[in-house]
Amino acid sequence: MKTLERQSLLPLDAIGALELGQKPEAIRIVRQQLGVDMPVAQDLIEGYLKQHPVEIMPGFSTDGTGHWVWLLLCGIALLSLGGLTLLS
């Protein structure tokens, strides 16, 4: 088992996944990019979250379905603003 010093820096991809509420994806990224096993990756994520509380972005949910709602709302906004010229 590889051991790592506890560090507050995670791969940016993992931090992005945490921002979207995708903790399992963040753990996968940490395992892949740092070459650690599951318990170490989980400890690194938990340690990071304790030091840097992450607020989930508006429109996103922790189950991963919220991004579709966000995209739908953006699509409706684009259609209402710019889509009118396409229809005429």
Protein backbone atom coordinates (compact mmCIF):
# COMPACT_ATOMS: atom_id res chain seq x y z
CA MET A 1 0.00 0.00 0.00
CA LYS A 2 1.39 3.36 -0.98
CA THR A 3 1.44 5.95 1.73
CA LEU A 4 1.22 9.64 1.06
CA GLU A 5 1.74 12.56 3.31
CA ARG A 6 -1.55 14.18 4.06
CA GLN A 7 -1.85 17.01 1.62
CA SER A 8 -4.45 19.65 0.98
CA LEU A 9 -3.88 19.64 -2.77
CA LEU A 10 -5.86 17.28 -4.94
CA PRO A 11 -5.86 16.96 -8.72
CA LEU A 12 -7.92 19.80 -10.20
CA ASP A 13 -10.21 17.27 -11.87
CA ALA A 14 -11.03 15.81 -8.44
CA ILE A 15 -11.76 19.24 -7.00
CA GLY A 16 -14.03 19.96 -9.97
CA ALA A 17 -15.89 16.71 -9.38
CA LEU A 18 -16.37 17.67 -5.73
CA GLU A 19 -17.72 21.07 -6.79
CA LEU A 20 -20.34 19.22 -8.84
CA GLY A 21 -21.20 16.98 -5.90
CA GLN A 22 -19.63 13.90 -7.49
CA LYS A 23 -17.61 12.48 -4.63
CA PRO A 24 -17.28 8.95 -6.11
CA GLU A 25 -15.86 10.47 -9.30
CA ALA A 26 -13.41 12.55 -7.25
CA ILE A 27 -12.24 9.40 -5.46
CA ARG A 28 -11.77 7.62 -8.80
CA ILE A 29 -9.73 10.54 -10.14
CA VAL A 30 -7.52 10.63 -7.04
CA ARG A 31 -6.92 6.88 -7.27
CA GLN A 32 -6.06 7.10 -10.96
CA GLN A 33 -3.87 10.21 -10.90
CA LEU A 34 -2.07 9.65 -7.60
CA GLY A 35 -1.86 5.85 -7.82
CA VAL A 36 -3.31 5.15 -4.38
CA ASP A 37 -5.79 2.55 -3.17
CA MET A 38 -9.42 3.22 -2.19
CA PRO A 39 -8.98 3.90 1.56
CA VAL A 40 -6.14 6.35 0.95
CA ALA A 41 -8.12 8.14 -1.76
CA GLN A 42 -11.16 8.38 0.51
CA ASP A 43 -9.01 9.74 3.34
CA LEU A 44 -7.49 12.35 1.04
CA ILE A 45 -10.95 13.44 -0.16
CA GLU A 46 -12.34 13.59 3.39
CA GLY A 47 -9.29 15.52 4.58
CA TYR A 48 -9.66 17.96 1.72
CA LEU A 49 -13.37 18.46 2.43
CA LYS A 50 -12.65 19.17 6.10
CA GLN A 51 -10.08 21.82 5.19
CA HIS A 52 -11.97 23.21 2.19
CA PRO A 53 -15.74 22.84 2.56
CA VAL A 54 -17.25 22.62 -0.89
CA GLU A 55 -20.63 24.10 -1.71
CA ILE A 56 -22.39 22.34 -4.53
CA MET A 57 -23.03 24.63 -7.47
CA PRO A 58 -26.64 25.81 -7.90
CA GLY A 59 -28.61 23.55 -10.20
CA PHE A 60 -26.52 20.48 -9.40
CA SER A 61 -27.38 17.68 -7.03
CA THR A 62 -25.28 15.07 -5.30
CA ASP A 63 -26.95 12.23 -7.22
CA GLY A 64 -25.61 13.56 -10.53
CA THR A 65 -28.98 14.32 -12.11
CA GLY A 66 -29.07 18.05 -11.43
CA HIS A 67 -26.78 18.93 -14.31
CA TRP A 68 -29.54 17.96 -16.75
CA VAL A 69 -31.88 20.45 -15.09
CA TRP A 70 -29.21 23.13 -15.38
CA LEU A 71 -28.62 22.35 -19.07
CA LEU A 72 -32.36 22.33 -19.74
CA LEU A 73 -32.76 25.76 -18.14
CA CYS A 74 -29.83 27.13 -20.15
CA GLY A 75 -31.33 25.70 -23.34
CA ILE A 76 -34.69 27.28 -22.63
CA ALA A 77 -33.00 30.62 -21.94
CA LEU A 78 -31.03 30.43 -25.18
CA LEU A 79 -34.12 29.55 -27.18
CA SER A 80 -36.11 32.37 -25.66
CA LEU A 81 -33.36 34.91 -26.32
CA GLY A 82 -31.75 33.82 -29.54
CA GLY A 83 -34.14 31.22 -30.80
CA LEU A 84 -36.68 33.78 -31.85
CA THR A 85 -34.46 34.90 -34.71
CA LEU A 86 -34.18 31.31 -35.89
CA LEU A 87 -37.96 30.99 -36.11
CA SER A 88 -38.51 34.15 -38.18
